[in-house]
Amino acid sequence: MSSNTIARAIELAETIRETARRRPFEKALQDFIHLLAEVPYLAARDLSAAEVGVLRAIAESVIDRVEQRIAGDDDATSVQLKLAGSIYEIRRRLENIDQWSRHFFVKQ
């Protein structure tokens, strides 16, 4: 599962980075948030501590891209607010992943 999770995260992040059209951008962003939401339901063997770090880095790059889009001021205010909410959701999901990883990857 881990390689699939990371590969899918990379694929979605690339779509988010390269897509200018609003609907495909928002769809990829929602799919990315959903992928993050699934991580705490994985078994420890499904994702290593290093892969969690990679996933966090990918998520930070997605947040950067969303912030750039908001700063571009090309979207309506309602869309910008929705995008800002997506940043909050990504950060919340990352907190859940951190709790999950602390449970499984405690340093001995």
PDB file of N, CA and C in Angstrom:
ATOM      1  N   MET A   1       0.826  -1.206   0.000  1.00  0.00           N
ATOM      2  CA  MET A   1       0.000   0.000   0.000  1.00  0.00           C
ATOM      3  C   MET A   1       0.862   1.258   0.000  1.00  0.00           C
ATOM      4  N   SER A   2       2.003   1.218   0.680  1.00  0.00           N
ATOM      5  CA  SER A   2       2.802   2.433   0.841  1.00  0.00           C
ATOM      6  C   SER A   2       3.231   3.027  -0.480  1.00  0.00           C
ATOM      7  N   SER A   3       3.742   2.193  -1.369  1.00  0.00           N
ATOM      8  CA  SER A   3       4.184   2.738  -2.651  1.00  0.00           C
ATOM      9  C   SER A   3       2.999   3.300  -3.427  1.00  0.00           C
ATOM     10  N   ASN A   4       1.839   2.678  -3.280  1.00  0.00           N
ATOM     11  CA  ASN A   4       0.644   3.199  -3.939  1.00  0.00           C
ATOM     12  C   ASN A   4       0.221   4.535  -3.342  1.00  0.00           C
ATOM     13  N   THR A   5       0.300   4.649  -2.027  1.00  0.00           N
ATOM     14  CA  THR A   5      -0.080   5.890  -1.354  1.00  0.00           C
ATOM     15  C   THR A   5       0.837   7.023  -1.777  1.00  0.00           C
ATOM     16  N   ILE A   6       2.132   6.777  -1.753  1.00  0.00           N
ATOM     17  CA  ILE A   6       3.103   7.808  -2.133  1.00  0.00           C
ATOM     18  C   ILE A   6       2.968   8.147  -3.613  1.00  0.00           C
ATOM     19  N   ALA A   7       2.836   7.131  -4.457  1.00  0.00           N
ATOM     20  CA  ALA A   7       2.693   7.374  -5.897  1.00  0.00           C
ATOM     21  C   ALA A   7       1.443   8.197  -6.191  1.00  0.00           C
ATOM     22  N   ARG A   8       0.358   7.875  -5.527  1.00  0.00           N
ATOM     23  CA  ARG A   8      -0.890   8.625  -5.738  1.00  0.00           C
ATOM     24  C   ARG A   8      -0.754  10.056  -5.235  1.00  0.00           C
ATOM     25  N   ALA A   9      -0.083  10.236  -4.094  1.00  0.00           N
ATOM     26  CA  ALA A   9       0.141  11.582  -3.558  1.00  0.00           C
ATOM     27  C   ALA A   9       0.977  12.412  -4.533  1.00  0.00           C
ATOM     28  N   ILE A  10       2.001  11.811  -5.098  1.00  0.00           N
ATOM     29  CA  ILE A  10       2.846  12.512  -6.082  1.00  0.00           C
ATOM     30  C   ILE A  10       2.020  12.885  -7.311  1.00  0.00           C
ATOM     31  N   GLU A  11       1.229  11.949  -7.787  1.00  0.00           N
ATOM     32  CA  GLU A  11       0.378  12.190  -8.970  1.00  0.00           C
ATOM     33  C   GLU A  11      -0.586  13.353  -8.725  1.00  0.00           C
ATOM     34  N   LEU A  12      -1.251  13.348  -7.578  1.00  0.00           N
ATOM     35  CA  LEU A  12      -2.200  14.413  -7.264  1.00  0.00           C
ATOM     36  C   LEU A  12      -1.488  15.750  -7.083  1.00  0.00           C
ATOM     37  N   ALA A  13      -0.326  15.735  -6.431  1.00  0.00           N
ATOM     38  CA  ALA A  13       0.436  16.974  -6.243  1.00  0.00           C
ATOM     39  C   ALA A  13       0.864  17.563  -7.579  1.00  0.00           C
ATOM     40  N   GLU A  14       1.254  16.710  -8.515  1.00  0.00           N
ATOM     41  CA  GLU A  14       1.623  17.189  -9.854  1.00  0.00           C
ATOM     42  C   GLU A  14       0.419  17.801 -10.564  1.00  0.00           C
ATOM     43  N   THR A  15      -0.726  17.171 -10.446  1.00  0.00           N
ATOM     44  CA  THR A  15      -1.941  17.717 -11.051  1.00  0.00           C
ATOM     45  C   THR A  15      -2.261  19.075 -10.452  1.00  0.00           C
ATOM     46  N   ILE A  16      -2.164  19.180  -9.131  1.00  0.00           N
ATOM     47  CA  ILE A  16      -2.425  20.449  -8.451  1.00  0.00           C
ATOM     48  C   ILE A  16      -1.432  21.511  -8.902  1.00  0.00           C
ATOM     49  N   ARG A  17      -0.183  21.138  -9.039  1.00  0.00           N
ATOM     50  CA  ARG A  17       0.854  22.091  -9.448  1.00  0.00           C
ATOM     51  C   ARG A  17       0.654  22.573 -10.893  1.00  0.00           C
ATOM     52  N   GLU A  18       0.217  21.686 -11.760  1.00  0.00           N
ATOM     53  CA  GLU A  18       0.179  21.995 -13.192  1.00  0.00           C
ATOM     54  C   GLU A  18      -1.174  22.477 -13.704  1.00  0.00           C
ATOM     55  N   THR A  19      -2.230  22.299 -12.939  1.00  0.00           N
ATOM     56  CA  THR A  19      -3.572  22.606 -13.419  1.00  0.00           C
ATOM     57  C   THR A  19      -3.965  24.037 -13.096  1.00  0.00           C
ATOM     58  N   ALA A  20      -4.395  24.753 -14.113  1.00  0.00           N
ATOM     59  CA  ALA A  20      -4.847  26.132 -13.921  1.00  0.00           C
ATOM     60  C   ALA A  20      -6.373  26.199 -13.814  1.00  0.00           C
ATOM     61  N   ARG A  21      -7.061  25.264 -14.465  1.00  0.00           N
ATOM     62  CA  ARG A  21      -8.533  25.289 -14.448  1.00  0.00           C
ATOM     63  C   ARG A  21      -9.051  24.943 -13.054  1.00  0.00           C
ATOM     64  N   ARG A  22     -10.056  25.680 -12.633  1.00  0.00           N
ATOM     65  CA  ARG A  22     -10.537  25.589 -11.261  1.00  0.00           C
ATOM     66  C   ARG A  22     -11.071  24.212 -10.882  1.00  0.00           C
ATOM     67  N   ARG A  23     -11.957  23.662 -11.664  1.00  0.00           N
ATOM     68  CA  ARG A  23     -12.599  22.398 -11.277  1.00  0.00           C
ATOM     69  C   ARG A  23     -11.601  21.236 -11.182  1.00  0.00           C
ATOM     70  N   PRO A  24     -10.740  21.024 -12.172  1.00  0.00           N
ATOM     71  CA  PRO A  24      -9.759  19.937 -12.023  1.00  0.00           C
ATOM     72  C   PRO A  24      -8.795  20.175 -10.846  1.00  0.00           C
ATOM     73  N   PHE A  25      -8.462  21.437 -10.603  1.00  0.00           N
ATOM     74  CA  PHE A  25      -7.606  21.795  -9.477  1.00  0.00           C
ATOM     75  C   PHE A  25      -8.299  21.411  -8.170  1.00  0.00           C
ATOM     76  N   GLU A  26      -9.552  21.822  -8.013  1.00  0.00           N
ATOM     77  CA  GLU A  26     -10.299  21.523  -6.800  1.00  0.00           C
ATOM     78  C   GLU A  26     -10.517  20.018  -6.619  1.00  0.00           C
ATOM     79  N   LYS A  27     -10.765  19.304  -7.713  1.00  0.00           N
ATOM     80  CA  LYS A  27     -10.964  17.851  -7.648  1.00  0.00           C
ATOM     81  C   LYS A  27      -9.692  17.171  -7.163  1.00  0.00           C
ATOM     82  N   ALA A  28      -8.558  17.527  -7.731  1.00  0.00           N
ATOM     83  CA  ALA A  28      -7.290  16.931  -7.310  1.00  0.00           C
ATOM     84  C   ALA A  28      -6.987  17.276  -5.852  1.00  0.00           C
ATOM     85  N   LEU A  29      -7.305  18.484  -5.449  1.00  0.00           N
ATOM     86  CA  LEU A  29      -7.080  18.917  -4.079  1.00  0.00           C
ATOM     87  C   LEU A  29      -7.946  18.101  -3.111  1.00  0.00           C
ATOM     88  N   GLN A  30      -9.215  17.903  -3.437  1.00  0.00           N
ATOM     89  CA  GLN A  30     -10.094  17.105  -2.586  1.00  0.00           C
ATOM     90  C   GLN A  30      -9.646  15.644  -2.540  1.00  0.00           C
ATOM     91  N   ASP A  31      -9.199  15.119  -3.678  1.00  0.00           N
ATOM     92  CA  ASP A  31      -8.686  13.747  -3.710  1.00  0.00           C
ATOM     93  C   ASP A  31      -7.434  13.619  -2.836  1.00  0.00           C
ATOM     94  N   PHE A  32      -6.586  14.650  -2.844  1.00  0.00           N
ATOM     95  CA  PHE A  32      -5.384  14.644  -2.018  1.00  0.00           C
ATOM     96  C   PHE A  32      -5.758  14.646  -0.533  1.00  0.00           C
ATOM     97  N   ILE A  33      -6.707  15.475  -0.160  1.00  0.00           N
ATOM     98  CA  ILE A  33      -7.155  15.531   1.232  1.00  0.00           C
ATOM     99  C   ILE A  33      -7.735  14.180   1.651  1.00  0.00           C
ATOM    100  N   HIS A  34      -8.497  13.565   0.773  1.00  0.00           N
ATOM    101  CA  HIS A  34      -9.073  12.244   1.060  1.00  0.00           C
ATOM    102  C   HIS A  34      -7.966  11.202   1.245  1.00  0.00           C
ATOM    103  N   LEU A  35      -6.940  11.248   0.415  1.00  0.00           N
ATOM    104  CA  LEU A  35      -5.817  10.322   0.542  1.00  0.00           C
ATOM    105  C   LEU A  35      -5.149  10.481   1.912  1.00  0.00           C
ATOM    106  N   LEU A  36      -4.938  11.732   2.343  1.00  0.00           N
ATOM    107  CA  LEU A  36      -4.343  11.969   3.658  1.00  0.00           C
ATOM    108  C   LEU A  36      -5.232  11.420   4.770  1.00  0.00           C
ATOM    109  N   ALA A  37      -6.542  11.542   4.600  1.00  0.00           N
ATOM    110  CA  ALA A  37      -7.481  11.069   5.614  1.00  0.00           C
ATOM    111  C   ALA A  37      -7.428   9.554   5.790  1.00  0.00           C
ATOM    112  N   GLU A  38      -7.009   8.844   4.760  1.00  0.00           N
ATOM    113  CA  GLU A  38      -6.951   7.383   4.819  1.00  0.00           C
ATOM    114  C   GLU A  38      -5.721   6.858   5.544  1.00  0.00           C
ATOM    115  N   VAL A  39      -4.673   7.650   5.646  1.00  0.00           N
ATOM    116  CA  VAL A  39      -3.400   7.174   6.209  1.00  0.00           C
ATOM    117  C   VAL A  39      -3.550   6.634   7.636  1.00  0.00           C
ATOM    118  N   PRO A  40      -4.248   7.314   8.542  1.00  0.00           N
ATOM    119  CA  PRO A  40      -4.343   6.768   9.903  1.00  0.00           C
ATOM    120  C   PRO A  40      -5.064   5.422  10.015  1.00  0.00           C
ATOM    121  N   TYR A  41      -5.657   4.971   8.950  1.00  0.00           N
ATOM    122  CA  TYR A  41      -6.329   3.678   8.951  1.00  0.00           C
ATOM    123  C   TYR A  41      -5.434   2.565   8.398  1.00  0.00           C
ATOM    124  N   LEU A  42      -4.217   2.923   8.019  1.00  0.00           N
ATOM    125  CA  LEU A  42      -3.271   1.938   7.514  1.00  0.00           C
ATOM    126  C   LEU A  42      -2.593   1.216   8.673  1.00  0.00           C
ATOM    127  N   ALA A  43      -2.127   0.020   8.412  1.00  0.00           N
ATOM    128  CA  ALA A  43      -1.306  -0.697   9.384  1.00  0.00           C
ATOM    129  C   ALA A  43       0.111  -0.125   9.319  1.00  0.00           C
ATOM    130  N   ALA A  44       0.857  -0.279  10.383  1.00  0.00           N
ATOM    131  CA  ALA A  44       2.221   0.264  10.434  1.00  0.00           C
ATOM    132  C   ALA A  44       3.082  -0.283   9.302  1.00  0.00           C
ATOM    133  N   ARG A  45       2.852  -1.516   8.907  1.00  0.00           N
ATOM    134  CA  ARG A  45       3.657  -2.119   7.833  1.00  0.00           C
ATOM    135  C   ARG A  45       3.372  -1.496   6.465  1.00  0.00           C
ATOM    136  N   ASP A  46       2.263  -0.758   6.362  1.00  0.00           N
ATOM    137  CA  ASP A  46       1.852  -0.197   5.081  1.00  0.00           C
ATOM    138  C   ASP A  46       2.547   1.110   4.727  1.00  0.00           C
ATOM    139  N   LEU A  47       3.134   1.768   5.726  1.00  0.00           N
ATOM    140  CA  LEU A  47       3.788   3.056   5.471  1.00  0.00           C
ATOM    141  C   LEU A  47       4.893   3.233   6.503  1.00  0.00           C
ATOM    142  N   SER A  48       6.108   3.424   6.028  1.00  0.00           N
ATOM    143  CA  SER A  48       7.239   3.578   6.947  1.00  0.00           C
ATOM    144  C   SER A  48       7.323   5.011   7.465  1.00  0.00           C
ATOM    145  N   ALA A  49       8.127   5.200   8.497  1.00  0.00           N
ATOM    146  CA  ALA A  49       8.339   6.543   9.036  1.00  0.00           C
ATOM    147  C   ALA A  49       8.931   7.461   7.965  1.00  0.00           C
ATOM    148  N   ALA A  50       9.830   6.942   7.156  1.00  0.00           N
ATOM    149  CA  ALA A  50      10.425   7.740   6.075  1.00  0.00           C
ATOM    150  C   ALA A  50       9.367   8.140   5.055  1.00  0.00           C
ATOM    151  N   GLU A  51       8.465   7.237   4.752  1.00  0.00           N
ATOM    152  CA  GLU A  51       7.401   7.535   3.795  1.00  0.00           C
ATOM    153  C   GLU A  51       6.425   8.568   4.355  1.00  0.00           C
ATOM    154  N   VAL A  52       6.211   8.535   5.666  1.00  0.00           N
ATOM    155  CA  VAL A  52       5.388   9.570   6.290  1.00  0.00           C
ATOM    156  C   VAL A  52       6.054  10.927   6.082  1.00  0.00           C
ATOM    157  N   GLY A  53       7.378  10.978   6.207  1.00  0.00           N
ATOM    158  CA  GLY A  53       8.108  12.219   5.955  1.00  0.00           C
ATOM    159  C   GLY A  53       7.958  12.691   4.518  1.00  0.00           C
ATOM    160  N   VAL A  54       8.014  11.769   3.589  1.00  0.00           N
ATOM    161  CA  VAL A  54       7.823  12.107   2.171  1.00  0.00           C
ATOM    162  C   VAL A  54       6.414  12.648   1.955  1.00  0.00           C
ATOM    163  N   LEU A  55       5.440  11.997   2.557  1.00  0.00           N
ATOM    164  CA  LEU A  55       4.051  12.435   2.423  1.00  0.00           C
ATOM    165  C   LEU A  55       3.863  13.840   2.994  1.00  0.00           C
ATOM    166  N   ARG A  56       4.508  14.109   4.112  1.00  0.00           N
ATOM    167  CA  ARG A  56       4.448  15.447   4.722  1.00  0.00           C
ATOM    168  C   ARG A  56       5.061  16.491   3.772  1.00  0.00           C
ATOM    169  N   ALA A  57       6.182  16.173   3.165  1.00  0.00           N
ATOM    170  CA  ALA A  57       6.828  17.107   2.231  1.00  0.00           C
ATOM    171  C   ALA A  57       5.930  17.364   1.017  1.00  0.00           C
ATOM    172  N   ILE A  58       5.302  16.327   0.514  1.00  0.00           N
ATOM    173  CA  ILE A  58       4.376  16.487  -0.609  1.00  0.00           C
ATOM    174  C   ILE A  58       3.220  17.388  -0.192  1.00  0.00           C
ATOM    175  N   ALA A  59       2.687  17.152   1.002  1.00  0.00           N
ATOM    176  CA  ALA A  59       1.572  17.970   1.498  1.00  0.00           C
ATOM    177  C   ALA A  59       1.970  19.431   1.632  1.00  0.00           C
ATOM    178  N   GLU A  60       3.170  19.687   2.096  1.00  0.00           N
ATOM    179  CA  GLU A  60       3.644  21.075   2.217  1.00  0.00           C
ATOM    180  C   GLU A  60       3.757  21.732   0.842  1.00  0.00           C
ATOM    181  N   SER A  61       4.165  20.962  -0.164  1.00  0.00           N
ATOM    182  CA  SER A  61       4.246  21.528  -1.517  1.00  0.00           C
ATOM    183  C   SER A  61       2.845  21.830  -2.059  1.00  0.00           C
ATOM    184  N   VAL A  62       1.881  21.003  -1.718  1.00  0.00           N
ATOM    185  CA  VAL A  62       0.499  21.244  -2.130  1.00  0.00           C
ATOM    186  C   VAL A  62      -0.025  22.512  -1.448  1.00  0.00           C
ATOM    187  N   ILE A  63       0.258  22.659  -0.155  1.00  0.00           N
ATOM    188  CA  ILE A  63      -0.156  23.867   0.561  1.00  0.00           C
ATOM    189  C   ILE A  63       0.460  25.101  -0.087  1.00  0.00           C
ATOM    190  N   ASP A  64       1.739  25.035  -0.431  1.00  0.00           N
ATOM    191  CA  ASP A  64       2.395  26.165  -1.100  1.00  0.00           C
ATOM    192  C   ASP A  64       1.680  26.524  -2.396  1.00  0.00           C
ATOM    193  N   ARG A  65       1.307  25.514  -3.166  1.00  0.00           N
ATOM    194  CA  ARG A  65       0.635  25.758  -4.443  1.00  0.00           C
ATOM    195  C   ARG A  65      -0.746  26.381  -4.236  1.00  0.00           C
ATOM    196  N   VAL A  66      -1.469  25.908  -3.235  1.00  0.00           N
ATOM    197  CA  VAL A  66      -2.787  26.476  -2.949  1.00  0.00           C
ATOM    198  C   VAL A  66      -2.634  27.934  -2.517  1.00  0.00           C
ATOM    199  N   GLU A  67      -1.643  28.204  -1.679  1.00  0.00           N
ATOM    200  CA  GLU A  67      -1.396  29.591  -1.258  1.00  0.00           C
ATOM    201  C   GLU A  67      -1.049  30.482  -2.450  1.00  0.00           C
ATOM    202  N   GLN A  68      -0.277  29.960  -3.393  1.00  0.00           N
ATOM    203  CA  GLN A  68       0.046  30.724  -4.605  1.00  0.00           C
ATOM    204  C   GLN A  68      -1.219  31.018  -5.401  1.00  0.00           C
ATOM    205  N   ARG A  69      -2.079  30.032  -5.492  1.00  0.00           N
ATOM    206  CA  ARG A  69      -3.320  30.230  -6.247  1.00  0.00           C
ATOM    207  C   ARG A  69      -4.190  31.290  -5.578  1.00  0.00           C
ATOM    208  N   ILE A  70      -4.288  31.241  -4.270  1.00  0.00           N
ATOM    209  CA  ILE A  70      -5.073  32.245  -3.551  1.00  0.00           C
ATOM    210  C   ILE A  70      -4.463  33.627  -3.771  1.00  0.00           C
ATOM    211  N   ALA A  71      -3.145  33.735  -3.676  1.00  0.00           N
ATOM    212  CA  ALA A  71      -2.460  35.016  -3.851  1.00  0.00           C
ATOM    213  C   ALA A  71      -2.605  35.552  -5.275  1.00  0.00           C
ATOM    214  N   GLY A  72      -2.805  34.646  -6.243  1.00  0.00           N
ATOM    215  CA  GLY A  72      -2.969  35.062  -7.631  1.00  0.00           C
ATOM    216  C   GLY A  72      -4.225  35.863  -7.857  1.00  0.00           C
ATOM    217  N   ASP A  73      -5.174  35.757  -6.957  1.00  0.00           N
ATOM    218  CA  ASP A  73      -6.395  36.556  -6.982  1.00  0.00           C
ATOM    219  C   ASP A  73      -7.193  36.397  -8.281  1.00  0.00           C
ATOM    220  N   ASP A  74      -7.078  35.225  -8.938  1.00  0.00           N
ATOM    221  CA  ASP A  74      -7.821  34.979 -10.170  1.00  0.00           C
ATOM    222  C   ASP A  74      -9.186  34.340  -9.917  1.00  0.00           C
ATOM    223  N   ASP A  75      -9.367  33.806  -8.706  1.00  0.00           N
ATOM    224  CA  ASP A  75     -10.609  33.127  -8.368  1.00  0.00           C
ATOM    225  C   ASP A  75     -11.527  34.060  -7.598  1.00  0.00           C
ATOM    226  N   ALA A  76     -12.803  33.760  -7.636  1.00  0.00           N
ATOM    227  CA  ALA A  76     -13.785  34.520  -6.854  1.00  0.00           C
ATOM    228  C   ALA A  76     -13.476  34.358  -5.369  1.00  0.00           C
ATOM    229  N   THR A  77     -13.949  35.295  -4.584  1.00  0.00           N
ATOM    230  CA  THR A  77     -13.709  35.263  -3.138  1.00  0.00           C
ATOM    231  C   THR A  77     -14.208  33.965  -2.523  1.00  0.00           C
ATOM    232  N   SER A  78     -15.350  33.490  -2.958  1.00  0.00           N
ATOM    233  CA  SER A  78     -15.898  32.243  -2.402  1.00  0.00           C
ATOM    234  C   SER A  78     -14.973  31.055  -2.684  1.00  0.00           C
ATOM    235  N   VAL A  79     -14.365  31.040  -3.858  1.00  0.00           N
ATOM    236  CA  VAL A  79     -13.430  29.968  -4.214  1.00  0.00           C
ATOM    237  C   VAL A  79     -12.159  30.105  -3.375  1.00  0.00           C
ATOM    238  N   GLN A  80     -11.685  31.318  -3.198  1.00  0.00           N
ATOM    239  CA  GLN A  80     -10.495  31.534  -2.373  1.00  0.00           C
ATOM    240  C   GLN A  80     -10.729  31.069  -0.937  1.00  0.00           C
ATOM    241  N   LEU A  81     -11.918  31.344  -0.409  1.00  0.00           N
ATOM    242  CA  LEU A  81     -12.242  30.892   0.946  1.00  0.00           C
ATOM    243  C   LEU A  81     -12.265  29.368   1.027  1.00  0.00           C
ATOM    244  N   LYS A  82     -12.806  28.744   0.012  1.00  0.00           N
ATOM    245  CA  LYS A  82     -12.832  27.279  -0.036  1.00  0.00           C
ATOM    246  C   LYS A  82     -11.409  26.722  -0.099  1.00  0.00           C
ATOM    247  N   LEU A  83     -10.557  27.357  -0.891  1.00  0.00           N
ATOM    248  CA  LEU A  83      -9.167  26.924  -0.981  1.00  0.00           C
ATOM    249  C   LEU A  83      -8.445  27.101   0.351  1.00  0.00           C
ATOM    250  N   ALA A  84      -8.705  28.211   1.019  1.00  0.00           N
ATOM    251  CA  ALA A  84      -8.103  28.433   2.343  1.00  0.00           C
ATOM    252  C   ALA A  84      -8.562  27.347   3.318  1.00  0.00           C
ATOM    253  N   GLY A  85      -9.822  26.962   3.231  1.00  0.00           N
ATOM    254  CA  GLY A  85     -10.324  25.874   4.060  1.00  0.00           C
ATOM    255  C   GLY A  85      -9.636  24.557   3.753  1.00  0.00           C
ATOM    256  N   SER A  86      -9.244  24.375   2.492  1.00  0.00           N
ATOM    257  CA  SER A  86      -8.523  23.159   2.107  1.00  0.00           C
ATOM    258  C   SER A  86      -7.152  23.100   2.781  1.00  0.00           C
ATOM    259  N   ILE A  87      -6.516  24.252   2.919  1.00  0.00           N
ATOM    260  CA  ILE A  87      -5.227  24.299   3.620  1.00  0.00           C
ATOM    261  C   ILE A  87      -5.424  23.840   5.062  1.00  0.00           C
ATOM    262  N   TYR A  88      -6.471  24.343   5.701  1.00  0.00           N
ATOM    263  CA  TYR A  88      -6.782  23.930   7.062  1.00  0.00           C
ATOM    264  C   TYR A  88      -6.987  22.416   7.123  1.00  0.00           C
ATOM    265  N   GLU A  89      -7.730  21.859   6.170  1.00  0.00           N
ATOM    266  CA  GLU A  89      -8.002  20.417   6.150  1.00  0.00           C
ATOM    267  C   GLU A  89      -6.720  19.610   5.974  1.00  0.00           C
ATOM    268  N   ILE A  90      -5.831  20.064   5.107  1.00  0.00           N
ATOM    269  CA  ILE A  90      -4.562  19.355   4.922  1.00  0.00           C
ATOM    270  C   ILE A  90      -3.773  19.361   6.224  1.00  0.00           C
ATOM    271  N   ARG A  91      -3.694  20.509   6.878  1.00  0.00           N
ATOM    272  CA  ARG A  91      -2.955  20.605   8.146  1.00  0.00           C
ATOM    273  C   ARG A  91      -3.584  19.715   9.220  1.00  0.00           C
ATOM    274  N   ARG A  92      -4.899  19.667   9.250  1.00  0.00           N
ATOM    275  CA  ARG A  92      -5.594  18.808  10.214  1.00  0.00           C
ATOM    276  C   ARG A  92      -5.296  17.337   9.940  1.00  0.00           C
ATOM    277  N   ARG A  93      -5.317  16.976   8.681  1.00  0.00           N
ATOM    278  CA  ARG A  93      -5.001  15.584   8.306  1.00  0.00           C
ATOM    279  C   ARG A  93      -3.546  15.251   8.653  1.00  0.00           C
ATOM    280  N   LEU A  94      -2.645  16.205   8.460  1.00  0.00           N
ATOM    281  CA  LEU A  94      -1.247  15.974   8.819  1.00  0.00           C
ATOM    282  C   LEU A  94      -1.087  15.768  10.326  1.00  0.00           C
ATOM    283  N   GLU A  95      -1.847  16.494  11.115  1.00  0.00           N
ATOM    284  CA  GLU A  95      -1.821  16.281  12.568  1.00  0.00           C
ATOM    285  C   GLU A  95      -2.278  14.867  12.909  1.00  0.00           C
ATOM    286  N   ASN A  96      -3.330  14.398  12.247  1.00  0.00           N
ATOM    287  CA  ASN A  96      -3.803  13.026  12.470  1.00  0.00           C
ATOM    288  C   ASN A  96      -2.736  12.014  12.071  1.00  0.00           C
ATOM    289  N   ILE A  97      -2.055  12.270  10.970  1.00  0.00           N
ATOM    290  CA  ILE A  97      -0.983  11.371  10.519  1.00  0.00           C
ATOM    291  C   ILE A  97       0.162  11.387  11.526  1.00  0.00           C
ATOM    292  N   ASP A  98       0.490  12.553  12.056  1.00  0.00           N
ATOM    293  CA  ASP A  98       1.545  12.638  13.068  1.00  0.00           C
ATOM    294  C   ASP A  98       1.183  11.806  14.298  1.00  0.00           C
ATOM    295  N   GLN A  99      -0.052  11.893  14.755  1.00  0.00           N
ATOM    296  CA  GLN A  99      -0.487  11.086  15.902  1.00  0.00           C
ATOM    297  C   GLN A  99      -0.388   9.602  15.584  1.00  0.00           C
ATOM    298  N   TRP A 100      -0.820   9.225  14.412  1.00  0.00           N
ATOM    299  CA  TRP A 100      -0.759   7.829  13.970  1.00  0.00           C
ATOM    300  C   TRP A 100       0.685   7.357  13.928  1.00  0.00           C
ATOM    301  N   SER A 101       1.565   8.159  13.357  1.00  0.00           N
ATOM    302  CA  SER A 101       2.961   7.737  13.218  1.00  0.00           C
ATOM    303  C   SER A 101       3.665   7.681  14.578  1.00  0.00           C
ATOM    304  N   ARG A 102       3.327   8.583  15.494  1.00  0.00           N
ATOM    305  CA  ARG A 102       3.916   8.518  16.842  1.00  0.00           C
ATOM    306  C   ARG A 102       3.510   7.221  17.537  1.00  0.00           C
ATOM    307  N   HIS A 103       2.314   6.773  17.277  1.00  0.00           N
ATOM    308  CA  HIS A 103       1.836   5.531  17.875  1.00  0.00           C
ATOM    309  C   HIS A 103       2.643   4.333  17.351  1.00  0.00           C
ATOM    310  N   PHE A 104       2.918   4.313  16.063  1.00  0.00           N
ATOM    311  CA  PHE A 104       3.584   3.161  15.455  1.00  0.00           C
ATOM    312  C   PHE A 104       5.110   3.271  15.398  1.00  0.00           C
ATOM    313  N   PHE A 105       5.629   4.476  15.332  1.00  0.00           N
ATOM    314  CA  PHE A 105       7.058   4.645  15.114  1.00  0.00           C
ATOM    315  C   PHE A 105       7.747   5.311  16.295  1.00  0.00           C
ATOM    316  N   VAL A 106       7.375   4.915  17.495  1.00  0.00           N
ATOM    317  CA  VAL A 106       7.981   5.470  18.709  1.00  0.00           C
ATOM    318  C   VAL A 106       9.441   5.035  18.738  1.00  0.00           C
ATOM    319  N   LYS A 107      10.315   5.988  19.024  1.00  0.00           N
ATOM    320  CA  LYS A 107      11.747   5.678  19.095  1.00  0.00           C
ATOM    321  C   LYS A 107      12.021   4.900  20.368  1.00  0.00           C
ATOM    322  N   GLN A 108      12.658   3.786  20.212  1.00  0.00           N
ATOM    323  CA  GLN A 108      12.972   2.923  21.345  1.00  0.00           C
ATOM    324  C   GLN A 108      14.285   3.315  21.977  1.00  0.00           C
TER     325      GLN A 108
END
